[in-house]
N, C-alpha and C. Protein backbone atom coordinates (compact mmCIF):
# COMPACT_ATOMS: atom_id res chain seq x y z
N MET A 1 -3.33 -101.92 51.32
CA MET A 1 -2.18 -102.18 51.63
C MET A 1 -1.16 -100.79 50.47
N GLY A 2 -0.57 -100.07 51.42
CA GLY A 2 0.68 -99.26 51.38
C GLY A 2 1.32 -99.56 49.80
N GLN A 3 1.99 -98.62 49.10
CA GLN A 3 2.31 -98.12 47.53
C GLN A 3 1.22 -98.78 46.14
N GLY A 4 0.52 -98.28 47.07
CA GLY A 4 -0.42 -98.78 45.51
C GLY A 4 -0.97 -100.09 45.25
N ARG A 5 -1.31 -100.42 44.42
CA ARG A 5 -2.35 -102.08 44.09
C ARG A 5 -0.88 -102.72 43.69
N LEU A 6 -0.60 -103.75 44.60
CA LEU A 6 -0.11 -105.06 44.12
C LEU A 6 -0.20 -105.65 42.86
N THR A 7 -0.19 -106.03 42.16
CA THR A 7 -0.23 -106.92 40.69
C THR A 7 -0.27 -108.44 41.21
N MET A 8 -0.58 -109.09 40.89
CA MET A 8 -0.71 -110.78 41.12
C MET A 8 -1.39 -111.37 39.84
N ALA A 9 -0.40 -112.82 40.48
CA ALA A 9 -0.92 -113.56 38.83
C ALA A 9 -1.16 -114.70 39.20
N LEU A 10 -2.52 -115.61 38.89
CA LEU A 10 -2.39 -116.28 39.73
C LEU A 10 -3.10 -118.24 38.87
N PRO A 11 -2.41 -118.95 38.89
CA PRO A 11 -2.93 -120.32 38.36
C PRO A 11 -4.65 -120.42 38.34
N LYS A 12 -4.57 -120.52 36.79
CA LYS A 12 -6.42 -121.44 36.52
C LYS A 12 -6.57 -122.19 37.59
N GLY A 13 -7.24 -123.09 37.13
CA GLY A 13 -7.50 -124.27 37.80
C GLY A 13 -7.98 -124.51 38.81
N ARG A 14 -8.22 -126.07 39.42
CA ARG A 14 -8.83 -126.32 40.87
C ARG A 14 -8.28 -126.05 42.25
N MET A 15 -7.83 -125.33 41.86
CA MET A 15 -6.31 -124.43 43.35
C MET A 15 -7.07 -123.40 42.85
N LEU A 16 -7.38 -122.80 42.10
CA LEU A 16 -8.01 -120.97 42.65
C LEU A 16 -8.87 -120.67 44.12
N ARG A 17 -9.21 -121.69 43.97
CA ARG A 17 -10.77 -121.24 44.64
C ARG A 17 -9.75 -121.55 46.24
N GLU A 18 -9.24 -122.34 46.52
CA GLU A 18 -8.37 -122.25 47.82
C GLU A 18 -7.36 -120.99 47.88
N VAL A 19 -6.64 -121.20 46.42
CA VAL A 19 -5.92 -119.00 47.04
C VAL A 19 -6.99 -118.13 47.37
N VAL A 20 -8.27 -118.14 46.86
CA VAL A 20 -9.22 -117.15 47.11
C VAL A 20 -9.76 -117.22 48.63
N ASP A 21 -9.60 -118.28 48.63
CA ASP A 21 -10.05 -118.81 50.48
C ASP A 21 -8.85 -117.86 51.43
N LEU A 22 -7.79 -118.89 51.22
CA LEU A 22 -6.60 -118.18 51.70
C LEU A 22 -6.58 -117.08 51.96
N PHE A 23 -6.41 -116.13 50.88
CA PHE A 23 -5.81 -115.03 50.43
C PHE A 23 -7.15 -114.16 51.49
N ALA A 24 -8.34 -114.93 51.28
CA ALA A 24 -9.84 -114.11 52.15
C ALA A 24 -9.53 -113.92 53.98
N SER A 25 -8.65 -115.27 54.26
CA SER A 25 -8.28 -115.44 55.43
C SER A 25 -7.70 -114.58 56.18
N ALA A 26 -6.58 -114.25 55.37
CA ALA A 26 -5.82 -112.92 55.37
C ALA A 26 -6.22 -111.18 55.22
N GLY A 27 -7.59 -111.07 54.30
CA GLY A 27 -8.62 -110.10 54.00
C GLY A 27 -7.94 -109.34 53.30
N VAL A 28 -7.69 -110.02 52.03
CA VAL A 28 -7.64 -109.80 50.68
C VAL A 28 -8.68 -110.38 49.66
N GLU A 29 -10.05 -109.87 49.62
CA GLU A 29 -11.28 -110.06 49.14
C GLU A 29 -10.71 -110.08 47.84
N LEU A 30 -10.62 -111.43 47.29
CA LEU A 30 -9.82 -112.03 45.50
C LEU A 30 -11.36 -112.21 44.95
N GLY A 31 -12.83 -112.97 45.19
CA GLY A 31 -13.83 -113.72 45.04
C GLY A 31 -14.60 -113.11 44.21
N GLU A 32 -14.32 -112.31 43.76
CA GLU A 32 -14.76 -111.29 41.92
C GLU A 32 -13.77 -112.10 40.90
N ILE A 33 -12.35 -112.86 41.07
CA ILE A 33 -12.26 -113.82 39.97
C ILE A 33 -12.49 -115.31 40.21
N LEU A 34 -13.77 -115.27 40.68
CA LEU A 34 -14.70 -116.49 41.26
C LEU A 34 -15.92 -117.18 39.83
N GLU A 35 -16.15 -115.87 39.77
CA GLU A 35 -17.73 -115.48 39.10
C GLU A 35 -17.52 -115.65 37.60
N ASP A 36 -16.28 -115.30 36.93
CA ASP A 36 -16.47 -115.32 35.18
C ASP A 36 -15.18 -116.37 35.13
N SER A 37 -14.92 -117.68 34.62
CA SER A 37 -13.85 -117.77 33.79
C SER A 37 -13.26 -118.03 32.91
N ARG A 38 -13.87 -117.28 32.36
CA ARG A 38 -13.69 -116.36 31.43
C ARG A 38 -12.48 -115.65 30.87
N LYS A 39 -12.42 -114.77 31.89
CA LYS A 39 -12.34 -113.05 32.25
C LYS A 39 -10.60 -113.44 32.37
N LEU A 40 -10.06 -112.49 32.51
CA LEU A 40 -8.08 -112.87 32.75
C LEU A 40 -7.75 -112.10 33.59
N VAL A 41 -8.42 -110.61 33.41
CA VAL A 41 -7.41 -109.46 34.66
C VAL A 41 -8.66 -109.39 35.27
N PHE A 42 -8.45 -108.93 35.97
CA PHE A 42 -9.59 -108.52 37.27
C PHE A 42 -9.12 -107.35 38.31
N ASP A 43 -9.42 -106.03 38.29
CA ASP A 43 -9.02 -104.42 38.53
C ASP A 43 -9.89 -104.62 39.62
N LEU A 44 -9.96 -104.68 40.91
CA LEU A 44 -10.30 -105.34 42.06
C LEU A 44 -9.73 -103.59 43.54
N LYS A 45 -10.03 -103.44 44.33
CA LYS A 45 -10.09 -102.66 45.26
C LYS A 45 -8.24 -102.93 45.25
N ASP A 46 -7.90 -103.73 45.64
CA ASP A 46 -6.70 -103.56 46.39
C ASP A 46 -5.71 -104.61 45.39
N THR A 47 -6.46 -104.67 44.90
CA THR A 47 -5.02 -105.96 43.77
C THR A 47 -5.82 -105.66 42.06
N ARG A 48 -4.75 -106.10 41.88
CA ARG A 48 -5.51 -106.63 39.78
C ARG A 48 -4.17 -107.97 39.90
N VAL A 49 -5.53 -108.57 38.96
CA VAL A 49 -5.41 -110.42 39.42
C VAL A 49 -4.66 -110.25 38.25
N LEU A 50 -4.23 -110.82 37.15
CA LEU A 50 -4.29 -111.79 36.37
C LEU A 50 -4.26 -113.53 36.47
N VAL A 51 -5.22 -114.14 35.98
CA VAL A 51 -5.61 -115.61 36.05
C VAL A 51 -4.93 -116.20 34.38
N VAL A 52 -3.84 -117.48 34.81
CA VAL A 52 -3.23 -117.11 33.91
C VAL A 52 -2.34 -119.21 33.96
N ARG A 53 -2.21 -119.67 33.14
CA ARG A 53 -1.70 -121.14 33.07
C ARG A 53 -0.30 -120.84 34.52
N SER A 54 -0.71 -121.88 35.11
CA SER A 54 0.39 -122.41 36.09
C SER A 54 1.60 -121.75 34.84
N GLN A 55 2.13 -122.37 33.99
CA GLN A 55 3.02 -122.04 33.71
C GLN A 55 3.37 -121.17 33.33
N ASP A 56 2.69 -120.30 32.99
CA ASP A 56 2.77 -119.16 32.93
C ASP A 56 3.25 -117.72 33.93
N VAL A 57 3.00 -118.24 34.85
CA VAL A 57 2.77 -117.19 36.39
C VAL A 57 4.19 -116.58 36.10
N ILE A 58 5.07 -117.50 35.72
CA ILE A 58 6.84 -117.51 36.64
C ILE A 58 7.06 -116.22 35.44
N THR A 59 6.70 -116.54 34.04
CA THR A 59 7.18 -115.57 32.80
C THR A 59 6.27 -114.29 33.51
N TYR A 60 5.42 -114.35 33.58
CA TYR A 60 4.52 -112.46 34.76
C TYR A 60 5.47 -112.45 35.31
N VAL A 61 5.66 -112.94 37.04
CA VAL A 61 6.48 -112.21 37.51
C VAL A 61 7.97 -111.81 37.48
N GLU A 62 8.88 -112.25 37.02
CA GLU A 62 10.36 -112.82 36.75
C GLU A 62 10.36 -111.64 35.49
N HIS A 63 9.52 -111.03 34.80
CA HIS A 63 9.33 -110.29 33.67
C HIS A 63 8.48 -108.42 33.77
N GLY A 64 8.56 -108.68 35.05
CA GLY A 64 7.76 -107.27 36.47
C GLY A 64 6.41 -107.55 35.73
N ALA A 65 5.75 -107.94 34.56
CA ALA A 65 4.16 -107.56 34.22
C ALA A 65 3.40 -107.78 35.41
N ALA A 66 3.93 -108.82 36.71
CA ALA A 66 2.92 -108.76 37.92
C ALA A 66 4.02 -109.07 39.35
N ASP A 67 3.85 -108.07 40.54
CA ASP A 67 4.45 -108.10 41.57
C ASP A 67 5.01 -109.54 41.78
N ILE A 68 3.44 -110.22 42.38
CA ILE A 68 3.82 -111.40 42.94
C ILE A 68 2.60 -112.74 42.19
N GLY A 69 3.43 -113.26 42.47
CA GLY A 69 2.61 -114.61 41.86
C GLY A 69 2.57 -115.78 42.52
N ILE A 70 1.43 -116.81 42.48
CA ILE A 70 1.47 -118.27 42.95
C ILE A 70 1.92 -120.00 42.27
N VAL A 71 2.86 -119.95 42.56
CA VAL A 71 3.38 -121.23 41.65
C VAL A 71 4.02 -122.04 41.85
N GLY A 72 3.79 -123.89 42.03
CA GLY A 72 4.12 -125.22 42.78
C GLY A 72 5.49 -125.43 43.06
N LYS A 73 6.17 -125.69 43.44
CA LYS A 73 7.38 -126.20 43.99
C LYS A 73 8.53 -126.78 42.87
N ASP A 74 7.56 -127.52 42.01
CA ASP A 74 7.90 -128.63 40.85
C ASP A 74 7.85 -127.40 39.71
N VAL A 75 7.19 -126.14 39.39
CA VAL A 75 7.47 -125.78 38.05
C VAL A 75 8.72 -124.42 38.28
N LEU A 76 9.04 -124.35 40.01
CA LEU A 76 9.84 -123.26 40.58
C LEU A 76 11.47 -124.23 39.99
N LEU A 77 10.92 -125.32 40.27
CA LEU A 77 12.22 -126.00 40.25
C LEU A 77 12.86 -125.97 38.95
N GLU A 78 12.35 -126.59 37.83
CA GLU A 78 12.25 -127.00 36.77
C GLU A 78 12.34 -125.57 35.71
N ALA A 79 11.81 -124.63 36.06
CA ALA A 79 12.21 -123.55 35.38
C ALA A 79 13.38 -122.22 35.79
N ALA A 80 14.10 -122.85 37.34
CA ALA A 80 14.82 -122.43 37.42
C ALA A 80 14.20 -120.57 37.64
N PRO A 81 13.60 -119.55 37.96
CA PRO A 81 13.85 -118.56 37.75
C PRO A 81 14.56 -117.87 38.56
N ASP A 82 14.73 -116.23 38.13
CA ASP A 82 15.62 -115.40 39.95
C ASP A 82 14.61 -114.15 39.77
N LEU A 83 14.25 -115.42 41.00
CA LEU A 83 12.80 -114.51 41.82
C LEU A 83 13.04 -114.54 43.25
N TYR A 84 12.10 -114.34 44.04
CA TYR A 84 11.93 -114.51 45.34
C TYR A 84 11.09 -115.29 45.53
N GLU A 85 10.84 -115.84 46.74
CA GLU A 85 10.17 -116.55 47.37
C GLU A 85 10.01 -117.22 48.42
N PRO A 86 9.48 -116.05 49.07
CA PRO A 86 9.24 -115.89 50.65
C PRO A 86 8.25 -116.78 51.51
N LEU A 87 7.63 -117.45 50.55
CA LEU A 87 6.21 -117.92 51.52
C LEU A 87 5.57 -119.64 50.63
N ASP A 88 5.82 -120.61 51.24
CA ASP A 88 5.23 -121.88 51.28
C ASP A 88 4.00 -121.77 51.62
N LEU A 89 2.91 -121.75 50.16
CA LEU A 89 1.54 -121.53 50.99
C LEU A 89 0.64 -123.24 51.61
N GLY A 90 1.43 -123.56 51.60
CA GLY A 90 1.16 -125.42 51.40
C GLY A 90 -0.36 -126.07 50.62
N LEU A 91 -0.39 -125.12 49.58
CA LEU A 91 -1.70 -125.74 49.28
C LEU A 91 -1.43 -126.45 48.31
N GLY A 92 -2.71 -127.69 47.36
CA GLY A 92 -1.78 -128.41 46.15
C GLY A 92 -1.21 -129.28 46.34
N TYR A 93 -0.38 -129.71 47.35
CA TYR A 93 0.84 -131.05 47.49
C TYR A 93 0.15 -132.18 46.53
N CYS A 94 1.95 -132.29 45.64
CA CYS A 94 1.49 -133.49 44.62
C CYS A 94 3.24 -133.35 44.90
N ARG A 95 3.22 -134.96 44.15
CA ARG A 95 4.31 -135.41 44.09
C ARG A 95 5.22 -135.32 42.72
N LEU A 96 6.21 -135.33 42.40
CA LEU A 96 7.01 -135.88 41.14
C LEU A 96 7.38 -136.87 41.28
N ALA A 97 7.22 -137.89 40.29
CA ALA A 97 7.35 -138.93 40.80
C ALA A 97 7.99 -139.60 39.56
N VAL A 98 8.92 -141.07 39.49
CA VAL A 98 8.72 -141.74 38.26
C VAL A 98 8.01 -143.06 38.27
N ALA A 99 7.19 -143.04 37.40
CA ALA A 99 6.16 -143.97 37.04
C ALA A 99 6.05 -144.94 36.12
N GLY A 100 6.30 -146.61 35.95
CA GLY A 100 6.28 -147.03 35.11
C GLY A 100 4.53 -148.17 34.83
N PRO A 101 4.64 -149.14 34.18
CA PRO A 101 3.67 -150.11 34.11
C PRO A 101 3.50 -151.04 35.47
N VAL A 102 1.85 -151.66 35.31
CA VAL A 102 1.57 -152.03 36.65
C VAL A 102 2.70 -152.88 36.81
N GLY A 103 3.88 -153.56 37.74
CA GLY A 103 4.43 -155.22 37.80
C GLY A 103 6.15 -154.44 38.07
N ALA A 104 6.30 -153.04 37.49
CA ALA A 104 7.48 -152.88 36.99
C ALA A 104 8.13 -152.56 38.72
N THR A 105 9.16 -152.53 38.81
CA THR A 105 9.77 -152.11 40.13
C THR A 105 11.57 -151.48 39.97
N ASP A 106 11.73 -151.57 39.35
CA ASP A 106 13.24 -151.10 38.44
C ASP A 106 13.37 -150.57 36.95
N VAL A 107 13.76 -149.18 37.06
CA VAL A 107 13.94 -148.09 35.92
C VAL A 107 14.79 -148.93 35.19
N VAL A 108 14.81 -149.99 33.83
CA VAL A 108 15.47 -150.49 33.51
C VAL A 108 14.80 -150.01 31.57
N PRO A 109 15.48 -150.55 30.85
CA PRO A 109 15.10 -150.68 28.93
C PRO A 109 14.68 -151.61 29.28
N LEU A 110 13.21 -151.35 28.66
CA LEU A 110 12.35 -152.54 28.19
C LEU A 110 12.52 -153.69 26.90
N ASP A 111 13.87 -152.27 26.59
CA ASP A 111 13.23 -153.09 25.05
C ASP A 111 15.13 -153.21 25.08
N GLY A 112 15.62 -153.32 26.25
CA GLY A 112 16.92 -154.05 26.06
C GLY A 112 17.82 -152.61 26.06
N ALA A 113 17.46 -151.69 25.39
CA ALA A 113 18.35 -150.31 24.77
C ALA A 113 18.19 -149.56 25.70
N HIS A 114 18.72 -148.34 25.87
CA HIS A 114 18.52 -147.50 25.82
C HIS A 114 16.88 -147.02 27.61
N ILE A 115 17.02 -146.28 28.34
CA ILE A 115 15.61 -146.05 28.65
C ILE A 115 14.57 -144.65 28.14
N ARG A 116 13.42 -144.41 28.21
CA ARG A 116 12.94 -143.54 27.60
C ARG A 116 12.39 -142.84 28.29
N ILE A 117 12.29 -141.86 28.95
CA ILE A 117 11.15 -141.17 29.13
C ILE A 117 10.67 -139.83 29.21
N ALA A 118 9.19 -139.89 29.12
CA ALA A 118 8.62 -139.08 28.63
C ALA A 118 8.44 -138.25 29.87
N THR A 119 8.43 -136.58 29.74
CA THR A 119 7.79 -135.91 31.45
C THR A 119 7.59 -133.73 30.45
N LYS A 120 7.51 -133.58 31.57
CA LYS A 120 6.82 -132.24 30.89
C LYS A 120 7.70 -131.22 32.52
N TYR A 121 8.60 -131.68 32.28
CA TYR A 121 9.57 -131.88 33.85
C TYR A 121 11.03 -132.29 33.25
N PRO A 122 11.48 -131.82 31.74
CA PRO A 122 13.09 -132.66 31.33
C PRO A 122 14.12 -131.95 32.33
N ARG A 123 14.56 -131.27 32.96
CA ARG A 123 15.28 -131.17 33.52
C ARG A 123 15.69 -131.39 34.62
N LEU A 124 14.05 -131.35 35.30
CA LEU A 124 13.99 -132.65 36.85
C LEU A 124 14.46 -133.86 37.09
N ALA A 125 13.71 -134.23 35.60
CA ALA A 125 13.89 -135.74 35.21
C ALA A 125 15.71 -136.25 34.85
N GLU A 126 15.65 -135.52 34.00
CA GLU A 126 17.27 -135.10 33.84
C GLU A 126 18.75 -135.29 35.27
N ALA A 127 18.16 -134.75 36.10
CA ALA A 127 18.90 -134.91 37.02
C ALA A 127 19.14 -135.82 38.15
N HIS A 128 17.49 -135.93 38.30
CA HIS A 128 17.23 -137.26 38.63
C HIS A 128 18.39 -138.08 38.18
N PHE A 129 18.10 -138.52 37.30
CA PHE A 129 18.81 -139.89 36.77
C PHE A 129 19.96 -139.91 36.98
N ARG A 130 20.66 -138.33 36.00
CA ARG A 130 21.86 -138.33 36.37
C ARG A 130 22.58 -138.76 37.85
N LYS A 131 21.60 -138.02 39.17
CA LYS A 131 22.79 -138.50 40.20
C LYS A 131 22.84 -139.94 40.92
N LYS A 132 21.49 -140.79 40.20
CA LYS A 132 21.86 -142.05 40.29
C LYS A 132 23.04 -143.03 39.02
N GLY A 133 23.21 -141.85 38.39
CA GLY A 133 24.66 -142.56 37.39
C GLY A 133 23.98 -142.98 36.25
N MET A 134 23.03 -142.37 35.76
CA MET A 134 21.83 -143.38 34.66
C MET A 134 21.94 -142.44 33.56
N GLN A 135 21.72 -142.85 32.10
CA GLN A 135 21.56 -141.92 31.39
C GLN A 135 20.36 -142.79 30.39
N VAL A 136 19.56 -140.80 30.37
CA VAL A 136 17.66 -141.72 29.49
C VAL A 136 18.03 -140.95 29.07
N GLU A 137 16.98 -141.03 27.69
CA GLU A 137 16.64 -140.65 26.71
C GLU A 137 15.15 -139.92 27.02
N ILE A 138 15.11 -138.28 27.35
CA ILE A 138 13.67 -137.34 27.70
C ILE A 138 12.96 -137.21 26.39
N ILE A 139 11.87 -137.35 27.02
CA ILE A 139 10.94 -137.31 25.41
C ILE A 139 10.11 -135.84 26.37
N LYS A 140 9.66 -134.64 26.04
CA LYS A 140 9.42 -133.79 26.30
C LYS A 140 7.80 -134.58 25.87
N LEU A 141 6.94 -134.43 26.77
CA LEU A 141 5.48 -133.71 26.50
C LEU A 141 4.44 -133.36 27.49
N TYR A 142 3.62 -132.76 26.70
CA TYR A 142 2.45 -131.83 27.74
C TYR A 142 1.14 -131.95 28.55
N GLY A 143 1.16 -132.61 27.96
CA GLY A 143 -0.22 -133.65 28.31
C GLY A 143 0.08 -134.64 28.15
N SER A 144 -1.61 -135.66 29.08
CA SER A 144 -1.66 -137.26 28.83
C SER A 144 -0.09 -137.85 28.85
N ILE A 145 0.22 -138.05 29.73
CA ILE A 145 1.87 -138.43 29.49
C ILE A 145 1.80 -140.16 29.73
N GLU A 146 0.55 -139.86 30.27
CA GLU A 146 -0.31 -141.53 30.31
C GLU A 146 0.39 -142.57 29.48
N LEU A 147 -0.35 -141.81 28.21
CA LEU A 147 -0.36 -142.42 27.54
C LEU A 147 1.29 -143.31 26.06
N ALA A 148 2.23 -142.29 26.65
CA ALA A 148 3.16 -142.23 26.34
C ALA A 148 3.56 -143.89 26.41
N PRO A 149 4.09 -144.41 27.66
CA PRO A 149 3.97 -145.73 27.73
C PRO A 149 2.88 -146.97 26.82
N LEU A 150 1.62 -146.37 27.50
CA LEU A 150 0.48 -147.54 26.44
C LEU A 150 1.28 -147.63 24.77
N THR A 151 1.42 -146.03 24.38
CA THR A 151 1.79 -147.06 22.97
C THR A 151 3.17 -147.32 22.46
N GLY A 152 4.00 -147.19 23.74
CA GLY A 152 5.06 -147.43 23.18
C GLY A 152 6.54 -146.40 22.74
N LEU A 153 5.83 -145.68 23.11
CA LEU A 153 6.88 -143.97 22.46
C LEU A 153 8.48 -144.16 23.79
N THR A 154 7.52 -144.47 24.92
CA THR A 154 8.81 -144.25 25.83
C THR A 154 8.01 -145.39 26.93
N ASP A 155 9.26 -145.29 28.11
CA ASP A 155 9.52 -146.83 28.75
C ASP A 155 8.35 -146.45 29.67
N PHE A 156 8.98 -144.76 30.54
CA PHE A 156 9.09 -145.12 31.47
C PHE A 156 7.74 -143.49 31.34
N ILE A 157 7.79 -142.75 32.27
CA ILE A 157 7.16 -140.96 32.39
C ILE A 157 7.74 -140.62 33.84
N VAL A 158 7.27 -139.32 34.68
CA VAL A 158 7.89 -138.62 35.15
C VAL A 158 6.63 -138.09 35.21
N ASP A 159 6.32 -137.37 35.84
CA ASP A 159 4.87 -136.67 36.11
C ASP A 159 4.17 -135.94 37.85
N LEU A 160 3.48 -135.22 37.74
CA LEU A 160 2.86 -135.31 39.66
C LEU A 160 2.19 -136.40 39.78
N VAL A 161 2.10 -136.20 40.52
CA VAL A 161 1.19 -137.21 41.13
C VAL A 161 0.44 -136.68 42.96
N SER A 162 -0.58 -136.70 42.63
CA SER A 162 -1.60 -136.23 44.16
C SER A 162 -2.36 -137.43 44.55
N THR A 163 -3.27 -138.40 43.71
CA THR A 163 -3.84 -139.34 44.71
C THR A 163 -3.92 -140.46 43.75
N GLY A 164 -2.77 -140.59 42.82
CA GLY A 164 -2.04 -142.38 41.29
C GLY A 164 -3.58 -143.05 41.15
N GLU A 165 -4.77 -142.01 41.12
CA GLU A 165 -5.77 -142.56 40.05
C GLU A 165 -5.73 -142.56 38.74
N THR A 166 -5.34 -141.57 38.73
CA THR A 166 -5.07 -141.01 37.54
C THR A 166 -3.80 -142.43 36.89
N LEU A 167 -3.24 -142.57 37.47
CA LEU A 167 -2.43 -144.02 37.44
C LEU A 167 -2.84 -145.30 36.93
N ARG A 168 -3.26 -145.07 38.35
CA ARG A 168 -4.10 -146.80 38.37
C ARG A 168 -5.10 -146.74 36.46
N GLN A 169 -5.51 -146.26 36.73
CA GLN A 169 -6.69 -146.27 35.88
C GLN A 169 -5.97 -146.65 34.18
N ASN A 170 -4.74 -145.86 33.95
CA ASN A 170 -3.73 -146.39 32.62
C ASN A 170 -2.79 -147.31 33.05
N GLY A 171 -3.57 -148.61 33.92
CA GLY A 171 -2.93 -149.33 34.33
C GLY A 171 -0.56 -149.08 34.78
N MET A 172 -0.56 -148.09 35.35
CA MET A 172 0.75 -147.75 36.14
C MET A 172 0.92 -147.52 37.14
N CYS A 173 1.52 -147.57 37.59
CA CYS A 173 1.97 -147.20 38.95
C CYS A 173 3.22 -146.81 39.36
N GLU A 174 3.60 -146.40 40.94
CA GLU A 174 3.95 -144.68 40.89
C GLU A 174 5.70 -145.53 41.77
N MET A 175 6.28 -145.39 41.05
CA MET A 175 7.56 -146.56 41.72
C MET A 175 9.26 -145.48 42.07
N GLU A 176 9.35 -144.21 42.11
CA GLU A 176 9.90 -143.50 42.73
C GLU A 176 9.13 -141.71 43.03
N THR A 177 9.51 -141.09 44.58
CA THR A 177 9.33 -139.54 44.35
C THR A 177 10.71 -139.22 44.34
N ILE A 178 10.40 -138.60 42.86
CA ILE A 178 11.89 -137.05 42.68
C ILE A 178 11.67 -136.14 44.27
N LEU A 179 10.72 -135.49 44.14
CA LEU A 179 10.36 -134.27 45.22
C LEU A 179 8.98 -133.78 45.22
N GLU A 180 8.97 -133.62 46.59
CA GLU A 180 7.67 -133.00 46.78
C GLU A 180 7.21 -131.51 47.00
N SER A 181 6.19 -131.08 46.16
CA SER A 181 5.24 -129.83 45.58
C SER A 181 4.52 -129.53 46.37
N THR A 182 3.98 -128.01 47.06
CA THR A 182 3.46 -127.14 47.41
C THR A 182 3.71 -126.17 46.64
N SER A 183 2.36 -124.94 46.64
CA SER A 183 2.40 -123.60 46.24
C SER A 183 2.95 -122.43 47.06
N ARG A 184 4.21 -122.30 46.48
CA ARG A 184 4.46 -121.34 46.89
C ARG A 184 4.40 -119.45 46.45
N LEU A 185 4.76 -118.62 47.38
CA LEU A 185 4.06 -117.22 46.73
C LEU A 185 5.54 -116.62 46.15
N ILE A 186 5.23 -116.23 45.55
CA ILE A 186 7.17 -116.05 44.21
C ILE A 186 6.93 -114.17 44.44
N VAL A 187 7.73 -113.73 44.21
CA VAL A 187 7.66 -112.18 43.89
C VAL A 187 9.19 -111.64 42.78
N ASN A 188 8.96 -110.36 42.38
CA ASN A 188 9.08 -110.07 41.45
C ASN A 188 10.59 -109.58 41.83
N ARG A 189 11.89 -109.31 41.99
CA ARG A 189 13.33 -108.76 42.68
C ARG A 189 12.58 -107.30 42.26
N ALA A 190 12.54 -106.21 41.21
CA ALA A 190 12.23 -105.08 41.52
C ALA A 190 11.04 -104.98 41.98
N SER A 191 10.38 -105.60 42.25
CA SER A 191 9.22 -105.17 43.52
C SER A 191 9.13 -105.49 44.61
N MET A 192 10.09 -106.04 44.93
CA MET A 192 10.45 -106.53 46.19
C MET A 192 11.55 -105.50 47.08
N LYS A 193 11.80 -103.97 46.07
CA LYS A 193 12.32 -102.94 46.75
C LYS A 193 11.97 -101.72 46.39
N THR A 194 10.55 -101.98 45.04
CA THR A 194 9.97 -100.85 45.16
C THR A 194 8.59 -100.47 45.83
N ARG A 195 8.02 -102.23 46.21
CA ARG A 195 6.71 -102.39 46.72
C ARG A 195 7.19 -102.86 48.14
N SER A 196 8.18 -102.67 48.46
CA SER A 196 8.47 -104.03 49.65
C SER A 196 7.38 -103.64 50.92
N ALA A 197 6.50 -102.30 51.22
CA ALA A 197 5.48 -102.24 52.35
C ALA A 197 4.50 -103.58 52.16
N ALA A 198 4.11 -103.14 51.36
CA ALA A 198 3.11 -103.28 50.23
C ALA A 198 2.64 -104.80 50.26
N VAL A 199 4.25 -105.68 49.84
CA VAL A 199 4.67 -107.08 49.63
C VAL A 199 4.68 -107.70 50.93
N ILE A 200 6.03 -106.84 52.06
CA ILE A 200 6.01 -107.33 53.10
C ILE A 200 4.59 -108.01 53.73
N GLU A 201 3.51 -106.45 53.71
CA GLU A 201 2.40 -106.43 54.89
C GLU A 201 1.57 -108.13 54.38
N LEU A 202 1.69 -107.98 52.80
CA LEU A 202 0.78 -109.54 52.84
C LEU A 202 1.48 -110.96 53.10
N VAL A 203 2.90 -110.48 53.49
CA VAL A 203 3.25 -111.44 52.84
C VAL A 203 3.30 -112.13 54.92
N GLU A 204 3.12 -111.40 55.67
CA GLU A 204 3.00 -111.29 56.71
C GLU A 204 1.48 -111.65 56.93
N LYS A 205 0.46 -111.40 56.95
CA LYS A 205 -0.77 -110.98 56.58
C LYS A 205 -1.12 -113.19 56.43
N LEU A 206 -0.36 -113.27 55.73
CA LEU A 206 -0.89 -115.00 54.97
C LEU A 206 0.26 -115.60 55.69
N LYS A 207 1.04 -115.37 56.61
CA LYS A 207 2.02 -115.93 57.37
C LYS A 207 1.61 -116.05 58.54
N GLY A 208 0.30 -114.86 59.21
CA GLY A 208 -0.34 -114.59 60.19
C GLY A 208 -1.24 -116.36 60.31
N VAL A 209 -2.38 -116.23 58.54
CA VAL A 209 -3.26 -116.75 58.57
C VAL A 209 -2.49 -118.23 58.64
N LEU A 210 -1.53 -119.01 57.86
CA LEU A 210 -0.26 -119.73 58.05
C LEU A 210 -0.59 -120.44 59.17
N GLY A 211 -0.25 -120.16 60.07
CA GLY A 211 0.13 -119.58 61.09
C GLY A 211 -0.71 -120.47 62.56
N GLU A 212 -1.80 -119.69 61.99
CA GLU A 212 -3.17 -120.56 62.52
C GLU A 212 -3.94 -121.46 62.07
N ARG A 213 -3.62 -122.30 61.13
CA ARG A 213 -4.31 -123.00 60.31
C ARG A 213 -2.79 -124.43 60.69
N GLY A 214 -1.71 -124.21 61.24
CA GLY A 214 -0.72 -125.25 61.45
C GLY A 214 -0.03 -125.73 60.42
């Protein structure tokens, strides 16, 4: 690719292999990053790769430490960063949903008072209930969201759902879908101007692969 190597921020976790496979199909070899799960920076032939937490991808790209990144639409909407989003990669499909105890059909206060919602998506959760004319108390948690209703901390949760198996194992069910999410390619605004040829070349290669996959 022209204009030197691009630096990309990729999310740790189960989706990383899918990302590597997608890029390989586009002629960009990133397989080396799967060989050492403890290493965080990889200087490859055509690219420099930073492997970071999915929530941090936006920060690296928005502030220019990376030219491009891959992040879920749910994270993008929650953070509302100043970035370009040229491509839906179609990976990592999931839903941001409201969930509650099995048998619950409506989001109503279980203790007769105000409704408490546990989530790591406070912005999206509050906006969802505001549109419905409902006032809720948002309690932000960073993990094991399903534990909140089980311990009485909250009445319901707003969290990502893929298969729903984690909800079922904790006696909960999906009640409402707030949005559907897939992974997006994001680009730093300055990089889109100064590294435009390299960025556009990569985007076109990925578009070609996605088009072939249908």
